[in-house]
PDB file of all heavy atoms in Angstrom:
ATOM      1  N   TYR A   1       0.841  -1.202   0.000  1.00  0.00           N
ATOM      2  CA  TYR A   1       0.000   0.000   0.000  1.00  0.00           C
ATOM      3  C   TYR A   1       0.876   1.252   0.000  1.00  0.00           C
ATOM      4  O   TYR A   1       1.828   1.350   0.781  1.00  0.00           O
ATOM      5  CB  TYR A   1      -0.906   0.033   1.236  1.00  0.00           C
ATOM      6  CG  TYR A   1      -1.729  -1.215   1.422  1.00  0.00           C
ATOM      7  CD1 TYR A   1      -1.277  -2.249   2.240  1.00  0.00           C
ATOM      8  CD2 TYR A   1      -2.949  -1.376   0.768  1.00  0.00           C
ATOM      9  CE1 TYR A   1      -2.017  -3.407   2.406  1.00  0.00           C
ATOM     10  CE2 TYR A   1      -3.700  -2.531   0.928  1.00  0.00           C
ATOM     11  CZ  TYR A   1      -3.223  -3.543   1.745  1.00  0.00           C
ATOM     12  OH  TYR A   1      -3.958  -4.681   1.901  1.00  0.00           O
ATOM     13  N   ASP A   2       0.544   2.209  -0.848  1.00  0.00           N
ATOM     14  CA  ASP A   2       1.306   3.457  -0.885  1.00  0.00           C
ATOM     15  C   ASP A   2       1.052   4.289   0.360  1.00  0.00           C
ATOM     16  O   ASP A   2       1.937   4.974   0.852  1.00  0.00           O
ATOM     17  CB  ASP A   2       0.925   4.268  -2.132  1.00  0.00           C
ATOM     18  CG  ASP A   2       1.726   5.553  -2.229  1.00  0.00           C
ATOM     19  OD1 ASP A   2       2.965   5.466  -2.348  1.00  0.00           O
ATOM     20  OD2 ASP A   2       1.119   6.647  -2.157  1.00  0.00           O
ATOM     21  N   LYS A   3      -0.181   4.238   0.862  1.00  0.00           N
ATOM     22  CA  LYS A   3      -0.532   5.009   2.061  1.00  0.00           C
ATOM     23  C   LYS A   3      -1.010   4.066   3.165  1.00  0.00           C
ATOM     24  O   LYS A   3      -1.878   3.231   2.951  1.00  0.00           O
ATOM     25  CB  LYS A   3      -1.638   6.034   1.757  1.00  0.00           C
ATOM     26  CG  LYS A   3      -1.209   7.207   0.906  1.00  0.00           C
ATOM     27  CD  LYS A   3      -2.367   8.204   0.746  1.00  0.00           C
ATOM     28  CE  LYS A   3      -1.922   9.453  -0.001  1.00  0.00           C
ATOM     29  NZ  LYS A   3      -1.621   9.173  -1.393  1.00  0.00           N
ATOM     30  N   ILE A   4      -0.411   4.211   4.348  1.00  0.00           N
ATOM     31  CA  ILE A   4      -0.876   3.539   5.554  1.00  0.00           C
ATOM     32  C   ILE A   4      -1.474   4.630   6.430  1.00  0.00           C
ATOM     33  O   ILE A   4      -0.756   5.517   6.901  1.00  0.00           O
ATOM     34  CB  ILE A   4       0.267   2.813   6.279  1.00  0.00           C
ATOM     35  CG1 ILE A   4       0.833   1.708   5.378  1.00  0.00           C
ATOM     36  CG2 ILE A   4      -0.193   2.243   7.610  1.00  0.00           C
ATOM     37  CD1 ILE A   4       2.137   1.133   5.872  1.00  0.00           C
ATOM     38  N   ILE A   5      -2.789   4.586   6.619  1.00  0.00           N
ATOM     39  CA  ILE A   5      -3.497   5.699   7.257  1.00  0.00           C
ATOM     40  C   ILE A   5      -4.063   5.250   8.602  1.00  0.00           C
ATOM     41  O   ILE A   5      -4.890   4.332   8.673  1.00  0.00           O
ATOM     42  CB  ILE A   5      -4.630   6.226   6.350  1.00  0.00           C
ATOM     43  CG1 ILE A   5      -4.048   6.654   4.987  1.00  0.00           C
ATOM     44  CG2 ILE A   5      -5.362   7.390   7.017  1.00  0.00           C
ATOM     45  CD1 ILE A   5      -5.096   6.908   3.927  1.00  0.00           C
ATOM     46  N   ILE A   6      -3.590   5.889   9.666  1.00  0.00           N
ATOM     47  CA  ILE A   6      -4.108   5.602  11.008  1.00  0.00           C
ATOM     48  C   ILE A   6      -5.397   6.402  11.191  1.00  0.00           C
ATOM     49  O   ILE A   6      -5.416   7.624  11.063  1.00  0.00           O
ATOM     50  CB  ILE A   6      -3.086   5.992  12.089  1.00  0.00           C
ATOM     51  CG1 ILE A   6      -1.769   5.222  11.885  1.00  0.00           C
ATOM     52  CG2 ILE A   6      -3.650   5.748  13.479  1.00  0.00           C
ATOM     53  CD1 ILE A   6      -0.623   5.719  12.741  1.00  0.00           C
ATOM     54  N   MET A   7      -6.481   5.705  11.488  1.00  0.00           N
ATOM     55  CA  MET A   7      -7.790   6.351  11.608  1.00  0.00           C
ATOM     56  C   MET A   7      -8.320   6.095  13.017  1.00  0.00           C
ATOM     57  O   MET A   7      -8.965   5.076  13.281  1.00  0.00           O
ATOM     58  CB  MET A   7      -8.748   5.807  10.549  1.00  0.00           C
ATOM     59  CG  MET A   7      -9.942   6.686  10.278  1.00  0.00           C
ATOM     60  SD  MET A   7     -10.749   6.277   8.703  1.00  0.00           S
ATOM     61  CE  MET A   7     -11.770   4.894   9.162  1.00  0.00           C
ATOM     62  N   ALA A   8      -8.000   7.018  13.930  1.00  0.00           N
ATOM     63  CA  ALA A   8      -8.410   6.867  15.325  1.00  0.00           C
ATOM     64  C   ALA A   8      -9.344   8.001  15.720  1.00  0.00           C
ATOM     65  O   ALA A   8      -9.395   9.047  15.056  1.00  0.00           O
ATOM     66  CB  ALA A   8      -7.184   6.852  16.237  1.00  0.00           C
ATOM     67  N   ASP A   9     -10.076   7.798  16.806  1.00  0.00           N
ATOM     68  CA  ASP A   9     -11.000   8.828  17.283  1.00  0.00           C
ATOM     69  C   ASP A   9     -10.242  10.098  17.674  1.00  0.00           C
ATOM     70  O   ASP A   9      -9.075  10.042  18.080  1.00  0.00           O
ATOM     71  CB  ASP A   9     -11.779   8.328  18.506  1.00  0.00           C
ATOM     72  CG  ASP A   9     -12.753   7.215  18.142  1.00  0.00           C
ATOM     73  OD1 ASP A   9     -13.056   7.077  16.944  1.00  0.00           O
ATOM     74  OD2 ASP A   9     -13.200   6.486  19.051  1.00  0.00           O
ATOM     75  N   ALA A  10     -10.930  11.242  17.567  1.00  0.00           N
ATOM     76  CA  ALA A  10     -10.312  12.538  17.879  1.00  0.00           C
ATOM     77  C   ALA A  10     -10.421  12.827  19.365  1.00  0.00           C
ATOM     78  O   ALA A  10     -10.962  13.847  19.790  1.00  0.00           O
ATOM     79  CB  ALA A  10     -10.990  13.637  17.067  1.00  0.00           C
ATOM     80  N   ASP A  11      -9.895  11.905  20.202  1.00  0.00           N
ATOM     81  CA  ASP A  11      -9.898  12.121  21.643  1.00  0.00           C
ATOM     82  C   ASP A  11      -8.591  11.585  22.214  1.00  0.00           C
ATOM     83  O   ASP A  11      -7.692  11.165  21.468  1.00  0.00           O
ATOM     84  CB  ASP A  11     -11.112  11.448  22.296  1.00  0.00           C
ATOM     85  CG  ASP A  11     -11.160   9.935  22.046  1.00  0.00           C
ATOM     86  OD1 ASP A  11     -10.135   9.366  21.597  1.00  0.00           O
ATOM     87  OD2 ASP A  11     -12.211   9.325  22.286  1.00  0.00           O
ATOM     88  N   VAL A  12      -8.454  11.612  23.544  1.00  0.00           N
ATOM     89  CA  VAL A  12      -7.197  11.216  24.178  1.00  0.00           C
ATOM     90  C   VAL A  12      -6.883   9.744  23.916  1.00  0.00           C
ATOM     91  O   VAL A  12      -5.741   9.377  23.622  1.00  0.00           O
ATOM     92  CB  VAL A  12      -7.249  11.511  25.694  1.00  0.00           C
ATOM     93  CG1 VAL A  12      -6.034  10.930  26.394  1.00  0.00           C
ATOM     94  CG2 VAL A  12      -7.324  13.012  25.927  1.00  0.00           C
ATOM     95  N   ASP A  13      -7.899   8.859  24.006  1.00  0.00           N
ATOM     96  CA  ASP A  13      -7.673   7.439  23.723  1.00  0.00           C
ATOM     97  C   ASP A  13      -7.208   7.225  22.285  1.00  0.00           C
ATOM     98  O   ASP A  13      -6.313   6.420  22.010  1.00  0.00           O
ATOM     99  CB  ASP A  13      -8.955   6.632  23.974  1.00  0.00           C
ATOM    100  CG  ASP A  13      -9.131   6.290  25.450  1.00  0.00           C
ATOM    101  OD1 ASP A  13      -8.127   6.339  26.174  1.00  0.00           O
ATOM    102  OD2 ASP A  13     -10.265   5.999  25.862  1.00  0.00           O
ATOM    103  N   GLY A  14      -7.842   7.967  21.353  1.00  0.00           N
ATOM    104  CA  GLY A  14      -7.435   7.880  19.956  1.00  0.00           C
ATOM    105  C   GLY A  14      -6.001   8.332  19.759  1.00  0.00           C
ATOM    106  O   GLY A  14      -5.233   7.720  19.001  1.00  0.00           O
ATOM    107  N   SER A  15      -5.603   9.395  20.456  1.00  0.00           N
ATOM    108  CA  SER A  15      -4.219   9.884  20.370  1.00  0.00           C
ATOM    109  C   SER A  15      -3.240   8.854  20.916  1.00  0.00           C
ATOM    110  O   SER A  15      -2.143   8.671  20.380  1.00  0.00           O
ATOM    111  CB  SER A  15      -4.075  11.196  21.147  1.00  0.00           C
ATOM    112  OG  SER A  15      -4.877  12.203  20.583  1.00  0.00           O
ATOM    113  N   HIS A  16      -3.644   8.161  21.984  1.00  0.00           N
ATOM    114  CA  HIS A  16      -2.767   7.138  22.568  1.00  0.00           C
ATOM    115  C   HIS A  16      -2.585   5.963  21.608  1.00  0.00           C
ATOM    116  O   HIS A  16      -1.467   5.462  21.415  1.00  0.00           O
ATOM    117  CB  HIS A  16      -3.349   6.651  23.902  1.00  0.00           C
ATOM    118  CG  HIS A  16      -2.399   5.787  24.675  1.00  0.00           C
ATOM    119  ND1 HIS A  16      -2.813   4.849  25.588  1.00  0.00           N
ATOM    120  CD2 HIS A  16      -1.045   5.701  24.653  1.00  0.00           C
ATOM    121  CE1 HIS A  16      -1.755   4.226  26.086  1.00  0.00           C
ATOM    122  NE2 HIS A  16      -0.669   4.731  25.540  1.00  0.00           N
ATOM    123  N   ILE A  17      -3.681   5.527  20.989  1.00  0.00           N
ATOM    124  CA  ILE A  17      -3.604   4.444  19.997  1.00  0.00           C
ATOM    125  C   ILE A  17      -2.684   4.849  18.849  1.00  0.00           C
ATOM    126  O   ILE A  17      -1.829   4.074  18.399  1.00  0.00           O
ATOM    127  CB  ILE A  17      -5.013   4.091  19.475  1.00  0.00           C
ATOM    128  CG1 ILE A  17      -5.817   3.393  20.582  1.00  0.00           C
ATOM    129  CG2 ILE A  17      -4.938   3.204  18.234  1.00  0.00           C
ATOM    130  CD1 ILE A  17      -7.292   3.280  20.307  1.00  0.00           C
ATOM    131  N   CYS A  18      -2.851   6.091  18.398  1.00  0.00           N
ATOM    132  CA  CYS A  18      -2.018   6.624  17.313  1.00  0.00           C
ATOM    133  C   CYS A  18      -0.539   6.609  17.716  1.00  0.00           C
ATOM    134  O   CYS A  18       0.329   6.205  16.941  1.00  0.00           O
ATOM    135  CB  CYS A  18      -2.485   8.044  16.997  1.00  0.00           C
ATOM    136  SG  CYS A  18      -1.702   8.747  15.560  1.00  0.00           S
ATOM    137  N   THR A  19      -0.232   7.016  18.945  1.00  0.00           N
ATOM    138  CA  THR A  19       1.146   7.045  19.437  1.00  0.00           C
ATOM    139  C   THR A  19       1.741   5.648  19.508  1.00  0.00           C
ATOM    140  O   THR A  19       2.905   5.430  19.147  1.00  0.00           O
ATOM    141  CB  THR A  19       1.189   7.709  20.826  1.00  0.00           C
ATOM    142  OG1 THR A  19       0.622   9.007  20.740  1.00  0.00           O
ATOM    143  CG2 THR A  19       2.613   7.825  21.336  1.00  0.00           C
ATOM    144  N   LEU A  20       0.957   4.679  19.975  1.00  0.00           N
ATOM    145  CA  LEU A  20       1.441   3.292  20.044  1.00  0.00           C
ATOM    146  C   LEU A  20       1.759   2.744  18.660  1.00  0.00           C
ATOM    147  O   LEU A  20       2.769   2.054  18.465  1.00  0.00           O
ATOM    148  CB  LEU A  20       0.388   2.412  20.734  1.00  0.00           C
ATOM    149  CG  LEU A  20       0.180   2.648  22.239  1.00  0.00           C
ATOM    150  CD1 LEU A  20      -1.080   1.949  22.722  1.00  0.00           C
ATOM    151  CD2 LEU A  20       1.391   2.174  23.045  1.00  0.00           C
ATOM    152  N   LEU A  21       0.908   3.052  17.684  1.00  0.00           N
ATOM    153  CA  LEU A  21       1.155   2.604  16.309  1.00  0.00           C
ATOM    154  C   LEU A  21       2.399   3.252  15.729  1.00  0.00           C
ATOM    155  O   LEU A  21       3.225   2.592  15.081  1.00  0.00           O
ATOM    156  CB  LEU A  21      -0.064   2.905  15.434  1.00  0.00           C
ATOM    157  CG  LEU A  21      -1.291   2.010  15.662  1.00  0.00           C
ATOM    158  CD1 LEU A  21      -2.518   2.600  14.993  1.00  0.00           C
ATOM    159  CD2 LEU A  21      -1.036   0.588  15.138  1.00  0.00           C
ATOM    160  N   LEU A  22       2.561   4.557  15.960  1.00  0.00           N
ATOM    161  CA  LEU A  22       3.732   5.261  15.440  1.00  0.00           C
ATOM    162  C   LEU A  22       5.012   4.736  16.092  1.00  0.00           C
ATOM    163  O   LEU A  22       6.059   4.649  15.442  1.00  0.00           O
ATOM    164  CB  LEU A  22       3.598   6.766  15.669  1.00  0.00           C
ATOM    165  CG  LEU A  22       2.529   7.472  14.836  1.00  0.00           C
ATOM    166  CD1 LEU A  22       2.446   8.949  15.216  1.00  0.00           C
ATOM    167  CD2 LEU A  22       2.797   7.331  13.343  1.00  0.00           C
ATOM    168  N   THR A  23       4.950   4.379  17.377  1.00  0.00           N
ATOM    169  CA  THR A  23       6.116   3.789  18.048  1.00  0.00           C
ATOM    170  C   THR A  23       6.487   2.460  17.399  1.00  0.00           C
ATOM    171  O   THR A  23       7.668   2.174  17.160  1.00  0.00           O
ATOM    172  CB  THR A  23       5.823   3.582  19.549  1.00  0.00           C
ATOM    173  OG1 THR A  23       5.423   4.824  20.131  1.00  0.00           O
ATOM    174  CG2 THR A  23       7.043   3.056  20.288  1.00  0.00           C
ATOM    175  N   LEU A  24       5.471   1.647  17.081  1.00  0.00           N
ATOM    176  CA  LEU A  24       5.720   0.379  16.379  1.00  0.00           C
ATOM    177  C   LEU A  24       6.391   0.623  15.035  1.00  0.00           C
ATOM    178  O   LEU A  24       7.408  -0.008  14.710  1.00  0.00           O
ATOM    179  CB  LEU A  24       4.400  -0.362  16.174  1.00  0.00           C
ATOM    180  CG  LEU A  24       4.443  -1.580  15.238  1.00  0.00           C
ATOM    181  CD1 LEU A  24       5.239  -2.713  15.862  1.00  0.00           C
ATOM    182  CD2 LEU A  24       3.034  -2.048  14.868  1.00  0.00           C
ATOM    183  N   PHE A  25       5.836   1.541  14.243  1.00  0.00           N
ATOM    184  CA  PHE A  25       6.400   1.802  12.914  1.00  0.00           C
ATOM    185  C   PHE A  25       7.823   2.346  13.017  1.00  0.00           C
ATOM    186  O   PHE A  25       8.713   1.953  12.263  1.00  0.00           O
ATOM    187  CB  PHE A  25       5.527   2.806  12.146  1.00  0.00           C
ATOM    188  CG  PHE A  25       4.133   2.315  11.864  1.00  0.00           C
ATOM    189  CD1 PHE A  25       3.097   3.213  11.622  1.00  0.00           C
ATOM    190  CD2 PHE A  25       3.830   0.973  11.859  1.00  0.00           C
ATOM    191  CE1 PHE A  25       1.813   2.777  11.370  1.00  0.00           C
ATOM    192  CE2 PHE A  25       2.546   0.509  11.612  1.00  0.00           C
ATOM    193  CZ  PHE A  25       1.530   1.418  11.373  1.00  0.00           C
ATOM    194  N   TYR A  26       8.044   3.271  13.965  1.00  0.00           N
ATOM    195  CA  TYR A  26       9.356   3.920  14.085  1.00  0.00           C
ATOM    196  C   TYR A  26      10.440   2.937  14.510  1.00  0.00           C
ATOM    197  O   TYR A  26      11.571   2.989  14.025  1.00  0.00           O
ATOM    198  CB  TYR A  26       9.261   5.082  15.073  1.00  0.00           C
ATOM    199  CG  TYR A  26      10.558   5.823  15.257  1.00  0.00           C
ATOM    200  CD1 TYR A  26      11.237   6.360  14.164  1.00  0.00           C
ATOM    201  CD2 TYR A  26      11.131   5.985  16.522  1.00  0.00           C
ATOM    202  CE1 TYR A  26      12.434   7.035  14.318  1.00  0.00           C
ATOM    203  CE2 TYR A  26      12.323   6.657  16.684  1.00  0.00           C
ATOM    204  CZ  TYR A  26      12.969   7.175  15.581  1.00  0.00           C
ATOM    205  OH  TYR A  26      14.155   7.844  15.739  1.00  0.00           O
ATOM    206  N   ARG A  27      10.093   2.017  15.418  1.00  0.00           N
ATOM    207  CA  ARG A  27      11.102   1.085  15.923  1.00  0.00           C
ATOM    208  C   ARG A  27      11.293  -0.142  15.034  1.00  0.00           C
ATOM    209  O   ARG A  27      12.402  -0.677  14.946  1.00  0.00           O
ATOM    210  CB  ARG A  27      10.727   0.623  17.335  1.00  0.00           C
ATOM    211  CG  ARG A  27      10.884   1.698  18.407  1.00  0.00           C
ATOM    212  CD  ARG A  27      12.271   2.283  18.412  1.00  0.00           C
ATOM    213  NE  ARG A  27      12.498   3.128  19.581  1.00  0.00           N
ATOM    214  CZ  ARG A  27      13.436   4.048  19.656  1.00  0.00           C
ATOM    215  NH1 ARG A  27      14.248   4.260  18.619  1.00  0.00           N
ATOM    216  NH2 ARG A  27      13.597   4.772  20.748  1.00  0.00           N
ATOM    217  N   PHE A  28      10.243  -0.610  14.346  1.00  0.00           N
ATOM    218  CA  PHE A  28      10.333  -1.870  13.605  1.00  0.00           C
ATOM    219  C   PHE A  28      10.151  -1.729  12.095  1.00  0.00           C
ATOM    220  O   PHE A  28      10.477  -2.640  11.360  1.00  0.00           O
ATOM    221  CB  PHE A  28       9.315  -2.883  14.152  1.00  0.00           C
ATOM    222  CG  PHE A  28       9.680  -3.418  15.498  1.00  0.00           C
ATOM    223  CD1 PHE A  28       9.293  -2.756  16.641  1.00  0.00           C
ATOM    224  CD2 PHE A  28      10.445  -4.552  15.622  1.00  0.00           C
ATOM    225  CE1 PHE A  28       9.646  -3.228  17.893  1.00  0.00           C
ATOM    226  CE2 PHE A  28      10.804  -5.043  16.861  1.00  0.00           C
ATOM    227  CZ  PHE A  28      10.410  -4.373  18.003  1.00  0.00           C
ATOM    228  N   MET A  29       9.610  -0.592  11.640  1.00  0.00           N
ATOM    229  CA  MET A  29       9.429  -0.382  10.204  1.00  0.00           C
ATOM    230  C   MET A  29       9.713   1.091   9.857  1.00  0.00           C
ATOM    231  O   MET A  29       8.877   1.774   9.279  1.00  0.00           O
ATOM    232  CB  MET A  29       8.000  -0.751   9.786  1.00  0.00           C
ATOM    233  CG  MET A  29       7.654  -2.216   9.984  1.00  0.00           C
ATOM    234  SD  MET A  29       5.893  -2.563   9.697  1.00  0.00           S
ATOM    235  CE  MET A  29       5.325  -2.780  11.379  1.00  0.00           C
ATOM    236  N   PRO A  30      10.888   1.606  10.225  1.00  0.00           N
ATOM    237  CA  PRO A  30      11.136   3.046  10.097  1.00  0.00           C
ATOM    238  C   PRO A  30      11.077   3.572   8.673  1.00  0.00           C
ATOM    239  O   PRO A  30      10.738   4.739   8.455  1.00  0.00           O
ATOM    240  CB  PRO A  30      12.533   3.229  10.704  1.00  0.00           C
ATOM    241  CG  PRO A  30      13.167   1.871  10.625  1.00  0.00           C
ATOM    242  CD  PRO A  30      12.065   0.895  10.785  1.00  0.00           C
ATOM    243  N   GLU A  31      11.399   2.729   7.696  1.00  0.00           N
ATOM    244  CA  GLU A  31      11.374   3.211   6.306  1.00  0.00           C
ATOM    245  C   GLU A  31       9.973   3.631   5.878  1.00  0.00           C
ATOM    246  O   GLU A  31       9.824   4.466   4.979  1.00  0.00           O
ATOM    247  CB  GLU A  31      11.918   2.138   5.356  1.00  0.00           C
ATOM    248  CG  GLU A  31      13.427   2.039   5.362  1.00  0.00           C
ATOM    249  CD  GLU A  31      13.919   1.093   4.274  1.00  0.00           C
ATOM    250  OE1 GLU A  31      13.673   1.364   3.085  1.00  0.00           O
ATOM    251  OE2 GLU A  31      14.537   0.075   4.617  1.00  0.00           O
ATOM    252  N   LEU A  32       8.947   3.056   6.487  1.00  0.00           N
ATOM    253  CA  LEU A  32       7.581   3.479   6.175  1.00  0.00           C
ATOM    254  C   LEU A  32       7.425   4.978   6.427  1.00  0.00           C
ATOM    255  O   LEU A  32       6.774   5.686   5.654  1.00  0.00           O
ATOM    256  CB  LEU A  32       6.567   2.713   7.036  1.00  0.00           C
ATOM    257  CG  LEU A  32       6.410   1.206   6.803  1.00  0.00           C
ATOM    258  CD1 LEU A  32       5.377   0.640   7.757  1.00  0.00           C
ATOM    259  CD2 LEU A  32       6.033   0.909   5.358  1.00  0.00           C
ATOM    260  N   ILE A  33       8.016   5.455   7.520  1.00  0.00           N
ATOM    261  CA  ILE A  33       7.924   6.881   7.860  1.00  0.00           C
ATOM    262  C   ILE A  33       8.903   7.686   7.025  1.00  0.00           C
ATOM    263  O   ILE A  33       8.544   8.707   6.442  1.00  0.00           O
ATOM    264  CB  ILE A  33       8.195   7.087   9.364  1.00  0.00           C
ATOM    265  CG1 ILE A  33       7.152   6.333  10.194  1.00  0.00           C
ATOM    266  CG2 ILE A  33       8.160   8.579   9.711  1.00  0.00           C
ATOM    267  CD1 ILE A  33       7.375   6.392  11.701  1.00  0.00           C
ATOM    268  N   TYR A  34      10.159   7.233   6.940  1.00  0.00           N
ATOM    269  CA  TYR A  34      11.180   7.996   6.204  1.00  0.00           C
ATOM    270  C   TYR A  34      10.796   8.200   4.737  1.00  0.00           C
ATOM    271  O   TYR A  34      11.121   9.224   4.148  1.00  0.00           O
ATOM    272  CB  TYR A  34      12.539   7.297   6.289  1.00  0.00           C
ATOM    273  CG  TYR A  34      13.257   7.517   7.598  1.00  0.00           C
ATOM    274  CD1 TYR A  34      13.550   6.450   8.443  1.00  0.00           C
ATOM    275  CD2 TYR A  34      13.622   8.793   8.018  1.00  0.00           C
ATOM    276  CE1 TYR A  34      14.197   6.643   9.654  1.00  0.00           C
ATOM    277  CE2 TYR A  34      14.271   9.002   9.223  1.00  0.00           C
ATOM    278  CZ  TYR A  34      14.552   7.921  10.033  1.00  0.00           C
ATOM    279  OH  TYR A  34      15.184   8.126  11.236  1.00  0.00           O
ATOM    280  N   GLU A  35      10.094   7.226   4.145  1.00  0.00           N
ATOM    281  CA  GLU A  35       9.740   7.340   2.733  1.00  0.00           C
ATOM    282  C   GLU A  35       8.315   7.854   2.523  1.00  0.00           C
ATOM    283  O   GLU A  35       7.778   7.804   1.420  1.00  0.00           O
ATOM    284  CB  GLU A  35       9.953   5.998   2.033  1.00  0.00           C
ATOM    285  CG  GLU A  35      11.409   5.533   2.114  1.00  0.00           C
ATOM    286  CD  GLU A  35      11.799   4.590   1.003  1.00  0.00           C
ATOM    287  OE1 GLU A  35      10.987   4.363   0.084  1.00  0.00           O
ATOM    288  OE2 GLU A  35      12.925   4.064   1.063  1.00  0.00           O
ATOM    289  N   GLY A  36       7.699   8.365   3.595  1.00  0.00           N
ATOM    290  CA  GLY A  36       6.448   9.113   3.457  1.00  0.00           C
ATOM    291  C   GLY A  36       5.201   8.291   3.217  1.00  0.00           C
ATOM    292  O   GLY A  36       4.276   8.748   2.553  1.00  0.00           O
ATOM    293  N   HIS A  37       5.142   7.076   3.780  1.00  0.00           N
ATOM    294  CA  HIS A  37       3.969   6.218   3.563  1.00  0.00           C
ATOM    295  C   HIS A  37       2.958   6.267   4.710  1.00  0.00           C
ATOM    296  O   HIS A  37       1.881   5.691   4.587  1.00  0.00           O
ATOM    297  CB  HIS A  37       4.407   4.770   3.358  1.00  0.00           C
ATOM    298  CG  HIS A  37       5.189   4.538   2.105  1.00  0.00           C
ATOM    299  ND1 HIS A  37       4.631   4.613   0.844  1.00  0.00           N
ATOM    300  CD2 HIS A  37       6.510   4.257   1.915  1.00  0.00           C
ATOM    301  CE1 HIS A  37       5.561   4.372  -0.067  1.00  0.00           C
ATOM    302  NE2 HIS A  37       6.715   4.163   0.555  1.00  0.00           N
ATOM    303  N   VAL A  38       3.300   6.890   5.827  1.00  0.00           N
ATOM    304  CA  VAL A  38       2.437   6.852   7.013  1.00  0.00           C
ATOM    305  C   VAL A  38       1.685   8.171   7.160  1.00  0.00           C
ATOM    306  O   VAL A  38       2.280   9.249   7.136  1.00  0.00           O
ATOM    307  CB  VAL A  38       3.248   6.553   8.290  1.00  0.00           C
ATOM    308  CG1 VAL A  38       2.330   6.522   9.512  1.00  0.00           C
ATOM    309  CG2 VAL A  38       3.994   5.229   8.158  1.00  0.00           C
ATOM    310  N   TYR A  39       0.369   8.050   7.339  1.00  0.00           N
ATOM    311  CA  TYR A  39      -0.495   9.232   7.461  1.00  0.00           C
ATOM    312  C   TYR A  39      -1.420   9.064   8.664  1.00  0.00           C
ATOM    313  O   TYR A  39      -1.684   7.945   9.112  1.00  0.00           O
ATOM    314  CB  TYR A  39      -1.363   9.407   6.209  1.00  0.00           C
ATOM    315  CG  TYR A  39      -0.592   9.727   4.957  1.00  0.00           C
ATOM    316  CD1 TYR A  39       0.082   8.730   4.250  1.00  0.00           C
ATOM    317  CD2 TYR A  39      -0.544  11.031   4.458  1.00  0.00           C
ATOM    318  CE1 TYR A  39       0.789   9.017   3.085  1.00  0.00           C
ATOM    319  CE2 TYR A  39       0.157  11.327   3.297  1.00  0.00           C
ATOM    320  CZ  TYR A  39       0.819  10.319   2.617  1.00  0.00           C
ATOM    321  OH  TYR A  39       1.513  10.617   1.478  1.00  0.00           O
ATOM    322  N   ILE A  40      -1.907  10.194   9.161  1.00  0.00           N
ATOM    323  CA  ILE A  40      -2.925  10.180  10.216  1.00  0.00           C
ATOM    324  C   ILE A  40      -4.168  10.866   9.673  1.00  0.00           C
ATOM    325  O   ILE A  40      -4.094  12.005   9.179  1.00  0.00           O
ATOM    326  CB  ILE A  40      -2.426  10.906  11.482  1.00  0.00           C
ATOM    327  CG1 ILE A  40      -1.193  10.198  12.048  1.00  0.00           C
ATOM    328  CG2 ILE A  40      -3.534  10.970  12.536  1.00  0.00           C
ATOM    329  CD1 ILE A  40      -0.512  10.948  13.166  1.00  0.00           C
ATOM    330  N   ALA A  41      -5.302  10.164   9.698  1.00  0.00           N
ATOM    331  CA  ALA A  41      -6.564  10.757   9.244  1.00  0.00           C
ATOM    332  C   ALA A  41      -7.029  11.787  10.263  1.00  0.00           C
ATOM    333  O   ALA A  41      -6.787  11.645  11.464  1.00  0.00           O
ATOM    334  CB  ALA A  41      -7.623   9.665   9.068  1.00  0.00           C
ATOM    335  N   MET A  42      -7.701  12.821   9.785  1.00  0.00           N
ATOM    336  CA  MET A  42      -8.195  13.895  10.646  1.00  0.00           C
ATOM    337  C   MET A  42      -9.720  13.913  10.621  1.00  0.00           C
ATOM    338  O   MET A  42     -10.330  14.653   9.844  1.00  0.00           O
ATOM    339  CB  MET A  42      -7.627  15.245  10.173  1.00  0.00           C
ATOM    340  CG  MET A  42      -6.113  15.322  10.161  1.00  0.00           C
ATOM    341  SD  MET A  42      -5.399  15.140  11.798  1.00  0.00           S
ATOM    342  CE  MET A  42      -6.000  16.628  12.562  1.00  0.00           C
TER     343      MET A  42
END
């Protein structure tokens, strides 16, 4: 997939889920972020 889009609720729990996912990507799949494939839906 060209775009991996995190779609979480616009509240504190949603922000926490988003942070946990970004930590996973950054530590185990960093190229996804470096090459611009990770997005957060608003």
